[in-house]
Structures are given as structure tokens and as C-alpha cells.
Amino acid sequence: MNEIIQARLASYNAASDGEAENAIKEIIQEIALYGLWRAKFFDVAVFQGGTSLRILQKLPRFSEDLDFMLLEPDPKFDWAPFLKILTEIFEEYGLQPEVIFKEQMDKRIRNAVIKDNSIANQLAVSFGKRDSRKILKIKLEIDVEPPAHSSDDFTYLDFPVDFEVRHQDLASNFALKIHALLCREYLKGRDWYDFSWYVAQGIFPNLPHLEAALRQFGPWADDETLAVSVEWLQAEMTKRIQSINWDEAKKDVNRFLRPTEAESLNLWGCRFFESKLDKLITTHT
């Protein structure tokens, strides 16, 4: 096992099997990003979503999937050439993951999955020793028809070595997070955790990008009168906040937090998030 990976795991100071598993997933995610950079993937795509906040902005929650979007629409996009190089990079670090993808040329969101048990079985952590059959799964998703008006930025990372990641800027990433809050067909508490984080950072969403995303997918897709403004955002987010089962939302996000961060979930409810929304709107107007 490459010593650099063992040292990386030790830096997390994991206090439980769950924390160790989250840390190992994150190590695999970082190596995957490095492999994609080596494959010139960031010449055509940007990193976005919750995992980008975790890895690039130190969001204090773990995340599962790697989400990307193309810089320009390309219905012919194919994961295959990038995943070939990605697999080779994993092998350089002593890993033997199974990278799976299906032909999905008729779909806007195209998926691949990294499945690995080699890293867990080689590291000194109890969950890996307890069940050698345990497989870690990380999904890669890319939007091949991205909504317009996104902006991007670049960040340097230094694990496993120095490399560069092209990613959405925070305002554009926040816009897509709000799109998820308003349009996702199931409750994901991690979305609301990220919303709270964005507000705390003083970020305001890229409204043109949000409107473009809403016109592509969701209940407003066929609404020709849609005009996303600060007032529209406040009204729709207020309705959404009041519709949430906050106990269920807390259950979703709790397993991705360390105990100290999880304490703040006791505050979650309509009053808490309406206060967050008011702060967002007030700081912009």
C-alpha cells in the first residue's frame, strides 16, 4: 500500500468506523480528481456539487459523489477515455478499483461508478479488517447539457501530488444547490446543510444560472412567465422551507458529520432556516 495514502488517512484522526470510512472515500475521491486532471478532463468539464465544497472549500461534512458539468453542451460525451486513464492512475497508487459505466448516450446525466475494496483491506482501520467483502462505492455524474450562465474558477490541490481542479465558482454552485432544494423529488438533508453553509460564507446565488437550470428541469420548466429575482427567490424558498420534514432532513445529514458539527442539527426547523433565508436576502439588498 502506498505510504502516502496511509499517512493521509492518519491525518483525519478518525474516531469511529464511520468516520474512517468517510475519510477513505474522500481519499479515493481526491485520487480520482487527480486522475481526471491527468486525463485532461478539466479541459472540457468543471467540478461542482457538495463534494466540491468539501474538498475545495473545507465544508465540514463528508460527501459521497463526484458531480461535474461540461463547459459546453456535448451530447456525444463519453466517459470511456477518461476512465481508462483514471484506472491507470489508481493502479499507480496500489489500488485496483472496478470502474463501471454504461452507454447512456440518450441521457443528459451520465454516470460512472468506482467500486473498491482494495484500499480498505490494506489500511489499518477496523472496518476494513472486520469485513473484507466491504465495497466502497463512489458515483461520478456529469451533466452533458449544462444550464447557461455558469462561471468557473481554479483551485490547486496537493494530494496525492500538486494538481489543478477547474470548478464552478461559489455563486454558480449555490445556484444549482437552490435548484436542487426547489426541484429535487426527494428530501436530502445535505442540501439544507450546504444552504446554511453558503449563507454563513456570505455567498449569493448566480440568479441567471438558477433561472436557466429551472427552465431545463423541474416544475417551472414549462413556465414561460418565469423570471427569477430576489423577491421570487425569497417567496419560493419560504414555501419550500415550510414544507420540509426537518426530522427526516436531520437523519440524512447526520452520518456525514462529526459529533461536534452534528450538535447544530438540534436547531433545524422552519424558524432556523427562515432566519438563514432572511440573512441571505438582507445581505444582498
C-alpha atoms as a PDB file:
ATOM      1  CA  MET A   1       0.000   0.000   0.000  1.00  0.00           C
ATOM      2  CA  ASN A   2       1.366   3.408  -0.871  1.00  0.00           C
ATOM      3  CA  GLU A   3       2.524   5.091   2.336  1.00  0.00           C
ATOM      4  CA  ILE A   4       1.159   8.445   1.221  1.00  0.00           C
ATOM      5  CA  ILE A   5      -2.393   7.082   1.472  1.00  0.00           C
ATOM      6  CA  GLN A   6      -1.828   5.649   4.956  1.00  0.00           C
ATOM      7  CA  ALA A   7      -0.410   8.987   6.083  1.00  0.00           C
ATOM      8  CA  ARG A   8      -3.375  10.804   4.575  1.00  0.00           C
ATOM      9  CA  LEU A   9      -5.800   8.605   6.487  1.00  0.00           C
ATOM     10  CA  ALA A  10      -3.910   9.185   9.746  1.00  0.00           C
ATOM     11  CA  SER A  11      -4.320  12.951   9.295  1.00  0.00           C
ATOM     12  CA  TYR A  12      -8.094  12.609   9.700  1.00  0.00           C
ATOM     13  CA  ASN A  13      -7.813  11.339  13.278  1.00  0.00           C
ATOM     14  CA  ALA A  14     -10.947   9.246  12.701  1.00  0.00           C
ATOM     15  CA  ALA A  15     -12.665   8.401  15.972  1.00  0.00           C
ATOM     16  CA  SER A  16     -15.071   5.736  14.690  1.00  0.00           C
ATOM     17  CA  ASP A  17     -15.569   3.216  11.912  1.00  0.00           C
ATOM     18  CA  GLY A  18     -17.992   5.596  10.223  1.00  0.00           C
ATOM     19  CA  GLU A  19     -15.502   8.459  10.244  1.00  0.00           C
ATOM     20  CA  ALA A  20     -12.773   6.160   8.921  1.00  0.00           C
ATOM     21  CA  GLU A  21     -14.994   5.001   6.075  1.00  0.00           C
ATOM     22  CA  ASN A  22     -15.885   8.583   5.157  1.00  0.00           C
ATOM     23  CA  ALA A  23     -12.193   9.501   5.226  1.00  0.00           C
ATOM     24  CA  ILE A  24     -11.242   6.612   2.942  1.00  0.00           C
ATOM     25  CA  LYS A  25     -13.987   7.565   0.489  1.00  0.00           C
ATOM     26  CA  GLU A  26     -12.611  11.085   0.448  1.00  0.00           C
ATOM     27  CA  ILE A  27      -9.093   9.803  -0.226  1.00  0.00           C
ATOM     28  CA  ILE A  28     -10.432   7.851  -3.212  1.00  0.00           C
ATOM     29  CA  GLN A  29     -12.290  10.964  -4.395  1.00  0.00           C
ATOM     30  CA  GLU A  30      -9.119  13.045  -4.275  1.00  0.00           C
ATOM     31  CA  ILE A  31      -7.121  10.460  -6.203  1.00  0.00           C
ATOM     32  CA  ALA A  32      -9.969  10.307  -8.736  1.00  0.00           C
ATOM     33  CA  LEU A  33      -9.808  14.079  -9.208  1.00  0.00           C
ATOM     34  CA  TYR A  34      -6.068  13.836  -9.743  1.00  0.00           C
ATOM     35  CA  GLY A  35      -6.599  11.073 -12.283  1.00  0.00           C
ATOM     36  CA  LEU A  36      -9.189  13.124 -14.136  1.00  0.00           C
ATOM     37  CA  TRP A  37      -6.780  16.069 -14.240  1.00  0.00           C
ATOM     38  CA  ARG A  38      -4.126  13.777 -15.694  1.00  0.00           C
ATOM     39  CA  ALA A  39      -6.707  12.705 -18.292  1.00  0.00           C
ATOM     40  CA  LYS A  40      -7.281  16.376 -19.314  1.00  0.00           C
ATOM     41  CA  PHE A  41     -10.886  16.069 -18.139  1.00  0.00           C
ATOM     42  CA  PHE A  42     -10.918  19.623 -16.787  1.00  0.00           C
ATOM     43  CA  ASP A  43     -10.310  20.959 -20.276  1.00  0.00           C
ATOM     44  CA  VAL A  44     -13.951  20.099 -21.011  1.00  0.00           C
ATOM     45  CA  ALA A  45     -15.678  19.934 -17.622  1.00  0.00           C
ATOM     46  CA  VAL A  46     -15.899  21.532 -14.190  1.00  0.00           C
ATOM     47  CA  PHE A  47     -16.264  20.048 -10.720  1.00  0.00           C
ATOM     48  CA  GLN A  48     -19.414  21.091  -8.844  1.00  0.00           C
ATOM     49  CA  GLY A  49     -21.800  19.998  -6.100  1.00  0.00           C
ATOM     50  CA  GLY A  50     -21.428  19.189  -2.422  1.00  0.00           C
ATOM     51  CA  THR A  51     -18.222  17.192  -2.731  1.00  0.00           C
ATOM     52  CA  SER A  52     -16.542  20.131  -4.426  1.00  0.00           C
ATOM     53  CA  LEU A  53     -17.401  22.232  -1.373  1.00  0.00           C
ATOM     54  CA  ARG A  54     -15.978  19.564   0.922  1.00  0.00           C
ATOM     55  CA  ILE A  55     -12.695  19.071  -0.930  1.00  0.00           C
ATOM     56  CA  LEU A  56     -12.075  22.590  -2.234  1.00  0.00           C
ATOM     57  CA  GLN A  57     -13.742  24.770   0.423  1.00  0.00           C
ATOM     58  CA  LYS A  58     -13.421  22.570   3.550  1.00  0.00           C
ATOM     59  CA  LEU A  59     -17.167  22.214   4.069  1.00  0.00           C
ATOM     60  CA  PRO A  60     -17.417  20.435   7.456  1.00  0.00           C
ATOM     61  CA  ARG A  61     -19.359  17.422   6.210  1.00  0.00           C
ATOM     62  CA  PHE A  62     -18.334  14.414   4.215  1.00  0.00           C
ATOM     63  CA  SER A  63     -19.868  13.736   0.818  1.00  0.00           C
ATOM     64  CA  GLU A  64     -20.436  10.698  -1.399  1.00  0.00           C
ATOM     65  CA  ASP A  65     -20.485  11.503  -5.113  1.00  0.00           C
ATOM     66  CA  LEU A  66     -18.358  13.440  -7.583  1.00  0.00           C
ATOM     67  CA  ASP A  67     -20.514  15.782  -9.672  1.00  0.00           C
ATOM     68  CA  PHE A  68     -19.401  17.529 -12.846  1.00  0.00           C
ATOM     69  CA  MET A  69     -20.824  19.528 -15.728  1.00  0.00           C
ATOM     70  CA  LEU A  70     -19.461  20.138 -19.187  1.00  0.00           C
ATOM     71  CA  LEU A  71     -18.272  23.602 -20.124  1.00  0.00           C
ATOM     72  CA  GLU A  72     -20.312  23.362 -23.314  1.00  0.00           C
ATOM     73  CA  PRO A  73     -23.174  21.012 -24.240  1.00  0.00           C
ATOM     74  CA  ASP A  74     -21.967  17.827 -25.913  1.00  0.00           C
ATOM     75  CA  PRO A  75     -24.491  15.022 -26.451  1.00  0.00           C
ATOM     76  CA  LYS A  76     -21.636  12.804 -27.674  1.00  0.00           C
ATOM     77  CA  PHE A  77     -19.696  12.959 -24.401  1.00  0.00           C
ATOM     78  CA  ASP A  78     -18.317   9.553 -23.391  1.00  0.00           C
ATOM     79  CA  TRP A  79     -16.764   8.640 -20.036  1.00  0.00           C
ATOM     80  CA  ALA A  80     -14.689   5.793 -21.502  1.00  0.00           C
ATOM     81  CA  PRO A  81     -11.398   7.538 -22.459  1.00  0.00           C
ATOM     82  CA  PHE A  82     -11.235   9.434 -19.164  1.00  0.00           C
ATOM     83  CA  LEU A  83     -11.990   6.377 -17.053  1.00  0.00           C
ATOM     84  CA  LYS A  84      -9.268   4.369 -18.791  1.00  0.00           C
ATOM     85  CA  ILE A  85      -6.647   6.846 -17.605  1.00  0.00           C
ATOM     86  CA  LEU A  86      -8.325   7.147 -14.204  1.00  0.00           C
ATOM     87  CA  THR A  87      -7.979   3.390 -13.678  1.00  0.00           C
ATOM     88  CA  GLU A  88      -4.291   3.560 -14.589  1.00  0.00           C
ATOM     89  CA  ILE A  89      -3.731   6.327 -12.023  1.00  0.00           C
ATOM     90  CA  PHE A  90      -5.414   4.281  -9.283  1.00  0.00           C
ATOM     91  CA  GLU A  91      -3.090   1.400 -10.102  1.00  0.00           C
ATOM     92  CA  GLU A  92      -0.098   3.713  -9.661  1.00  0.00           C
ATOM     93  CA  TYR A  93      -1.192   4.082  -6.028  1.00  0.00           C
ATOM     94  CA  GLY A  94      -1.678   0.377  -5.419  1.00  0.00           C
ATOM     95  CA  LEU A  95      -5.449   0.359  -5.859  1.00  0.00           C
ATOM     96  CA  GLN A  96      -7.481  -1.994  -8.011  1.00  0.00           C
ATOM     97  CA  PRO A  97     -10.912  -0.409  -8.284  1.00  0.00           C
ATOM     98  CA  GLU A  98     -13.627  -1.534 -10.621  1.00  0.00           C
ATOM     99  CA  VAL A  99     -14.777   1.426 -12.705  1.00  0.00           C
ATOM    100  CA  ILE A 100     -18.162   0.800 -14.278  1.00  0.00           C
ATOM    101  CA  PHE A 101     -20.170   2.810 -16.749  1.00  0.00           C
ATOM    102  CA  LYS A 102     -22.991   2.116 -19.161  1.00  0.00           C
ATOM    103  CA  GLU A 103     -23.673   3.532 -22.570  1.00  0.00           C
ATOM    104  CA  GLN A 104     -26.060   6.374 -21.772  1.00  0.00           C
ATOM    105  CA  MET A 105     -25.943   8.482 -24.916  1.00  0.00           C
ATOM    106  CA  ASP A 106     -29.669   9.187 -24.638  1.00  0.00           C
ATOM    107  CA  LYS A 107     -29.383  10.685 -21.157  1.00  0.00           C
ATOM    108  CA  ARG A 108     -28.473  14.163 -20.010  1.00  0.00           C
ATOM    109  CA  ILE A 109     -26.837  12.965 -16.771  1.00  0.00           C
ATOM    110  CA  ARG A 110     -24.236  10.260 -17.439  1.00  0.00           C
ATOM    111  CA  ASN A 111     -22.968   8.106 -14.609  1.00  0.00           C
ATOM    112  CA  ALA A 112     -19.963   6.013 -13.749  1.00  0.00           C
ATOM    113  CA  VAL A 113     -19.207   4.159 -10.508  1.00  0.00           C
ATOM    114  CA  ILE A 114     -15.913   3.477  -8.752  1.00  0.00           C
ATOM    115  CA  LYS A 115     -16.148   0.281  -6.669  1.00  0.00           C
ATOM    116  CA  ASP A 116     -13.201  -0.629  -4.461  1.00  0.00           C
ATOM    117  CA  ASN A 117     -12.353  -2.923  -1.569  1.00  0.00           C
ATOM    118  CA  SER A 118      -8.589  -2.993  -2.052  1.00  0.00           C
ATOM    119  CA  ILE A 119      -7.929   0.227  -0.124  1.00  0.00           C
ATOM    120  CA  ALA A 120      -9.975  -0.781   2.916  1.00  0.00           C
ATOM    121  CA  ASN A 121      -8.292  -4.159   3.138  1.00  0.00           C
ATOM    122  CA  GLN A 122      -4.810  -2.624   3.103  1.00  0.00           C
ATOM    123  CA  LEU A 123      -5.278   0.152   5.650  1.00  0.00           C
ATOM    124  CA  ALA A 124      -5.067  -0.120   9.420  1.00  0.00           C
ATOM    125  CA  VAL A 125      -8.712   0.593  10.205  1.00  0.00           C
ATOM    126  CA  SER A 126     -11.148  -1.676  11.975  1.00  0.00           C
ATOM    127  CA  PHE A 127     -13.980  -1.544   9.466  1.00  0.00           C
ATOM    128  CA  GLY A 128     -11.688  -2.803   6.718  1.00  0.00           C
ATOM    129  CA  LYS A 129     -10.474  -5.701   8.837  1.00  0.00           C
ATOM    130  CA  ARG A 130     -13.932  -6.616  10.065  1.00  0.00           C
ATOM    131  CA  ASP A 131     -15.404  -7.398   6.670  1.00  0.00           C
ATOM    132  CA  SER A 132     -13.054  -7.964   3.743  1.00  0.00           C
ATOM    133  CA  ARG A 133     -16.048  -8.051   1.408  1.00  0.00           C
ATOM    134  CA  LYS A 134     -16.976  -4.461   2.178  1.00  0.00           C
ATOM    135  CA  ILE A 135     -17.011  -2.415  -1.035  1.00  0.00           C
ATOM    136  CA  LEU A 136     -16.794   1.350  -1.183  1.00  0.00           C
ATOM    137  CA  LYS A 137     -18.777   2.959  -3.966  1.00  0.00           C
ATOM    138  CA  ILE A 138     -18.343   6.457  -5.359  1.00  0.00           C
ATOM    139  CA  LYS A 139     -20.572   7.657  -8.159  1.00  0.00           C
ATOM    140  CA  LEU A 140     -19.394  10.073 -10.841  1.00  0.00           C
ATOM    141  CA  GLU A 141     -22.098  12.112 -12.578  1.00  0.00           C
ATOM    142  CA  ILE A 142     -21.765  14.616 -15.389  1.00  0.00           C
ATOM    143  CA  ASP A 143     -24.354  16.937 -16.913  1.00  0.00           C
ATOM    144  CA  VAL A 144     -23.765  16.942 -20.680  1.00  0.00           C
ATOM    145  CA  GLU A 145     -26.356  19.686 -21.269  1.00  0.00           C
ATOM    146  CA  PRO A 146     -25.385  22.229 -18.598  1.00  0.00           C
ATOM    147  CA  PRO A 147     -27.555  25.285 -17.920  1.00  0.00           C
ATOM    148  CA  ALA A 148     -26.239  28.589 -19.220  1.00  0.00           C
ATOM    149  CA  HIS A 149     -24.575  31.474 -17.346  1.00  0.00           C
ATOM    150  CA  SER A 150     -22.270  29.442 -15.097  1.00  0.00           C
ATOM    151  CA  SER A 151     -18.871  30.834 -14.136  1.00  0.00           C
ATOM    152  CA  ASP A 152     -15.858  28.796 -13.120  1.00  0.00           C
ATOM    153  CA  ASP A 153     -12.662  29.062 -11.132  1.00  0.00           C
ATOM    154  CA  PHE A 154      -9.466  27.091 -10.483  1.00  0.00           C
ATOM    155  CA  THR A 155      -8.083  25.615  -7.268  1.00  0.00           C
ATOM    156  CA  TYR A 156      -4.781  23.838  -6.645  1.00  0.00           C
ATOM    157  CA  LEU A 157      -4.746  20.674  -4.545  1.00  0.00           C
ATOM    158  CA  ASP A 158      -1.686  18.886  -3.172  1.00  0.00           C
ATOM    159  CA  PHE A 159      -2.869  15.321  -2.565  1.00  0.00           C
ATOM    160  CA  PRO A 160      -1.727  12.915  -3.845  1.00  0.00           C
ATOM    161  CA  VAL A 161       0.573  15.454  -5.580  1.00  0.00           C
ATOM    162  CA  ASP A 162       0.125  19.023  -6.781  1.00  0.00           C
ATOM    163  CA  PHE A 163      -2.579  19.402  -9.428  1.00  0.00           C
ATOM    164  CA  GLU A 164      -5.330  21.782 -10.521  1.00  0.00           C
ATOM    165  CA  VAL A 165      -9.108  21.437 -10.492  1.00  0.00           C
ATOM    166  CA  ARG A 166     -11.436  23.525 -12.606  1.00  0.00           C
ATOM    167  CA  HIS A 167     -14.721  24.060 -10.781  1.00  0.00           C
ATOM    168  CA  GLN A 168     -17.831  26.209 -10.655  1.00  0.00           C
ATOM    169  CA  ASP A 169     -17.452  29.419  -8.715  1.00  0.00           C
ATOM    170  CA  LEU A 170     -19.369  29.530  -5.441  1.00  0.00           C
ATOM    171  CA  ALA A 171     -22.206  31.717  -6.735  1.00  0.00           C
ATOM    172  CA  SER A 172     -22.925  29.328  -9.616  1.00  0.00           C
ATOM    173  CA  ASN A 173     -22.584  26.239  -7.428  1.00  0.00           C
ATOM    174  CA  PHE A 174     -25.003  27.831  -4.932  1.00  0.00           C
ATOM    175  CA  ALA A 175     -27.481  28.431  -7.754  1.00  0.00           C
ATOM    176  CA  LEU A 176     -27.560  24.715  -8.563  1.00  0.00           C
ATOM    177  CA  LYS A 177     -27.894  23.872  -4.879  1.00  0.00           C
ATOM    178  CA  ILE A 178     -31.004  26.062  -4.717  1.00  0.00           C
ATOM    179  CA  HIS A 179     -32.272  24.375  -7.865  1.00  0.00           C
ATOM    180  CA  ALA A 180     -31.909  21.051  -6.012  1.00  0.00           C
ATOM    181  CA  LEU A 181     -33.705  22.442  -2.959  1.00  0.00           C
ATOM    182  CA  LEU A 182     -36.640  23.577  -5.080  1.00  0.00           C
ATOM    183  CA  CYS A 183     -36.793  20.727  -7.596  1.00  0.00           C
ATOM    184  CA  ARG A 184     -35.358  17.536  -6.109  1.00  0.00           C
ATOM    185  CA  GLU A 185     -38.098  14.924  -5.912  1.00  0.00           C
ATOM    186  CA  TYR A 186     -36.893  13.539  -2.587  1.00  0.00           C
ATOM    187  CA  LEU A 187     -35.638  15.090   0.637  1.00  0.00           C
ATOM    188  CA  LYS A 188     -31.882  15.346   1.047  1.00  0.00           C
ATOM    189  CA  GLY A 189     -30.831  16.985   4.300  1.00  0.00           C
ATOM    190  CA  ARG A 190     -27.325  17.546   2.962  1.00  0.00           C
ATOM    191  CA  ASP A 191     -28.786  20.144   0.572  1.00  0.00           C
ATOM    192  CA  TRP A 192     -30.043  22.159   3.529  1.00  0.00           C
ATOM    193  CA  TYR A 193     -26.749  21.816   5.375  1.00  0.00           C
ATOM    194  CA  ASP A 194     -24.988  23.235   2.323  1.00  0.00           C
ATOM    195  CA  PHE A 195     -27.541  26.053   2.052  1.00  0.00           C
ATOM    196  CA  SER A 196     -26.775  27.072   5.630  1.00  0.00           C
ATOM    197  CA  TRP A 197     -23.041  26.965   4.886  1.00  0.00           C
ATOM    198  CA  TYR A 198     -23.371  29.168   1.806  1.00  0.00           C
ATOM    199  CA  VAL A 199     -25.300  31.785   3.771  1.00  0.00           C
ATOM    200  CA  ALA A 200     -22.678  31.746   6.529  1.00  0.00           C
ATOM    201  CA  GLN A 201     -19.983  32.406   3.892  1.00  0.00           C
ATOM    202  CA  GLY A 202     -21.859  35.445   2.565  1.00  0.00           C
ATOM    203  CA  ILE A 203     -22.386  33.875  -0.891  1.00  0.00           C
ATOM    204  CA  PHE A 204     -25.364  34.909  -3.036  1.00  0.00           C
ATOM    205  CA  PRO A 205     -26.524  32.599  -5.842  1.00  0.00           C
ATOM    206  CA  ASN A 206     -25.978  33.310  -9.522  1.00  0.00           C
ATOM    207  CA  LEU A 207     -29.630  34.036 -10.394  1.00  0.00           C
ATOM    208  CA  PRO A 208     -29.288  33.865 -14.219  1.00  0.00           C
ATOM    209  CA  HIS A 209     -27.730  30.415 -13.842  1.00  0.00           C
ATOM    210  CA  LEU A 210     -30.518  29.369 -11.460  1.00  0.00           C
ATOM    211  CA  GLU A 211     -33.185  30.526 -13.913  1.00  0.00           C
ATOM    212  CA  ALA A 212     -31.509  28.653 -16.768  1.00  0.00           C
ATOM    213  CA  ALA A 213     -31.460  25.483 -14.650  1.00  0.00           C
ATOM    214  CA  LEU A 214     -35.112  25.913 -13.658  1.00  0.00           C
ATOM    215  CA  ARG A 215     -36.073  26.249 -17.312  1.00  0.00           C
ATOM    216  CA  GLN A 216     -34.377  22.919 -18.039  1.00  0.00           C
ATOM    217  CA  PHE A 217     -35.804  20.747 -15.287  1.00  0.00           C
ATOM    218  CA  GLY A 218     -38.415  20.972 -12.554  1.00  0.00           C
ATOM    219  CA  PRO A 219     -41.905  22.390 -12.027  1.00  0.00           C
ATOM    220  CA  TRP A 220     -41.016  25.673 -13.768  1.00  0.00           C
ATOM    221  CA  ALA A 221     -39.636  24.078 -16.948  1.00  0.00           C
ATOM    222  CA  ASP A 222     -42.729  24.966 -18.996  1.00  0.00           C
ATOM    223  CA  ASP A 223     -43.450  28.292 -17.303  1.00  0.00           C
ATOM    224  CA  GLU A 224     -42.909  30.995 -19.919  1.00  0.00           C
ATOM    225  CA  THR A 225     -43.520  33.707 -17.309  1.00  0.00           C
ATOM    226  CA  LEU A 226     -40.630  32.574 -15.076  1.00  0.00           C
ATOM    227  CA  ALA A 227     -38.444  35.499 -14.011  1.00  0.00           C
ATOM    228  CA  VAL A 228     -36.092  34.708 -11.151  1.00  0.00           C
ATOM    229  CA  SER A 229     -35.496  37.725  -8.934  1.00  0.00           C
ATOM    230  CA  VAL A 230     -34.570  38.250  -5.298  1.00  0.00           C
ATOM    231  CA  GLU A 231     -38.272  38.539  -4.467  1.00  0.00           C
ATOM    232  CA  TRP A 232     -39.093  35.345  -6.370  1.00  0.00           C
ATOM    233  CA  LEU A 233     -36.277  33.516  -4.596  1.00  0.00           C
ATOM    234  CA  GLN A 234     -37.464  34.606  -1.161  1.00  0.00           C
ATOM    235  CA  ALA A 235     -41.078  33.632  -1.831  1.00  0.00           C
ATOM    236  CA  GLU A 236     -40.324  30.186  -3.282  1.00  0.00           C
ATOM    237  CA  MET A 237     -37.691  29.294  -0.705  1.00  0.00           C
ATOM    238  CA  THR A 238     -40.049  30.306   2.115  1.00  0.00           C
ATOM    239  CA  LYS A 239     -42.701  27.933   0.763  1.00  0.00           C
ATOM    240  CA  ARG A 240     -40.143  25.172   0.447  1.00  0.00           C
ATOM    241  CA  ILE A 241     -38.808  25.654   3.988  1.00  0.00           C
ATOM    242  CA  GLN A 242     -42.320  25.401   5.388  1.00  0.00           C
ATOM    243  CA  SER A 243     -42.922  22.105   3.566  1.00  0.00           C
ATOM    244  CA  ILE A 244     -39.910  20.181   4.915  1.00  0.00           C
ATOM    245  CA  ASN A 245     -39.975  17.336   7.435  1.00  0.00           C
ATOM    246  CA  TRP A 246     -36.985  18.525   9.416  1.00  0.00           C
ATOM    247  CA  ASP A 247     -36.604  15.344  11.461  1.00  0.00           C
ATOM    248  CA  GLU A 248     -36.113  13.391   8.240  1.00  0.00           C
ATOM    249  CA  ALA A 249     -33.721  16.037   6.904  1.00  0.00           C
ATOM    250  CA  LYS A 250     -31.557  15.728  10.016  1.00  0.00           C
ATOM    251  CA  LYS A 251     -31.375  11.942   9.699  1.00  0.00           C
ATOM    252  CA  ASP A 252     -29.995  12.227   6.172  1.00  0.00           C
ATOM    253  CA  VAL A 253     -27.108  14.522   7.020  1.00  0.00           C
ATOM    254  CA  ASN A 254     -26.169  13.256  10.480  1.00  0.00           C
ATOM    255  CA  ARG A 255     -23.996  10.351   9.285  1.00  0.00           C
ATOM    256  CA  PHE A 256     -21.780  12.745   7.301  1.00  0.00           C
ATOM    257  CA  LEU A 257     -20.915  14.905  10.313  1.00  0.00           C
ATOM    258  CA  ARG A 258     -18.543  14.583  13.223  1.00  0.00           C
ATOM    259  CA  PRO A 259     -20.313  14.762  16.628  1.00  0.00           C
ATOM    260  CA  THR A 260     -19.325  18.389  17.217  1.00  0.00           C
ATOM    261  CA  GLU A 261     -20.868  19.509  13.914  1.00  0.00           C
ATOM    262  CA  ALA A 262     -23.933  17.313  14.432  1.00  0.00           C
ATOM    263  CA  GLU A 263     -24.911  19.300  17.530  1.00  0.00           C
ATOM    264  CA  SER A 264     -26.107  22.157  15.325  1.00  0.00           C
ATOM    265  CA  LEU A 265     -28.768  19.897  13.806  1.00  0.00           C
ATOM    266  CA  ASN A 266     -30.781  20.416  17.009  1.00  0.00           C
ATOM    267  CA  LEU A 267     -31.503  23.922  15.697  1.00  0.00           C
ATOM    268  CA  TRP A 268     -33.037  22.740  12.444  1.00  0.00           C
ATOM    269  CA  GLY A 269     -36.618  23.746  11.764  1.00  0.00           C
ATOM    270  CA  CYS A 270     -38.661  26.333   9.907  1.00  0.00           C
ATOM    271  CA  ARG A 271     -37.636  29.174  12.200  1.00  0.00           C
ATOM    272  CA  PHE A 272     -33.922  28.411  11.809  1.00  0.00           C
ATOM    273  CA  PHE A 273     -33.976  28.245   8.010  1.00  0.00           C
ATOM    274  CA  GLU A 274     -36.299  31.218   7.620  1.00  0.00           C
ATOM    275  CA  SER A 275     -33.700  33.139   9.610  1.00  0.00           C
ATOM    276  CA  LYS A 276     -30.996  31.900   7.250  1.00  0.00           C
ATOM    277  CA  LEU A 277     -33.075  32.964   4.256  1.00  0.00           C
ATOM    278  CA  ASP A 278     -33.678  36.397   5.742  1.00  0.00           C
ATOM    279  CA  LYS A 279     -29.928  36.806   6.242  1.00  0.00           C
ATOM    280  CA  LEU A 280     -29.304  35.798   2.631  1.00  0.00           C
ATOM    281  CA  ILE A 281     -31.834  38.289   1.264  1.00  0.00           C
ATOM    282  CA  THR A 282     -30.891  41.125   3.640  1.00  0.00           C
ATOM    283  CA  THR A 283     -27.189  40.957   2.850  1.00  0.00           C
ATOM    284  CA  HIS A 284     -27.971  41.208  -0.874  1.00  0.00           C
ATOM    285  CA  THR A 285     -30.446  44.102  -0.743  1.00  0.00           C
END
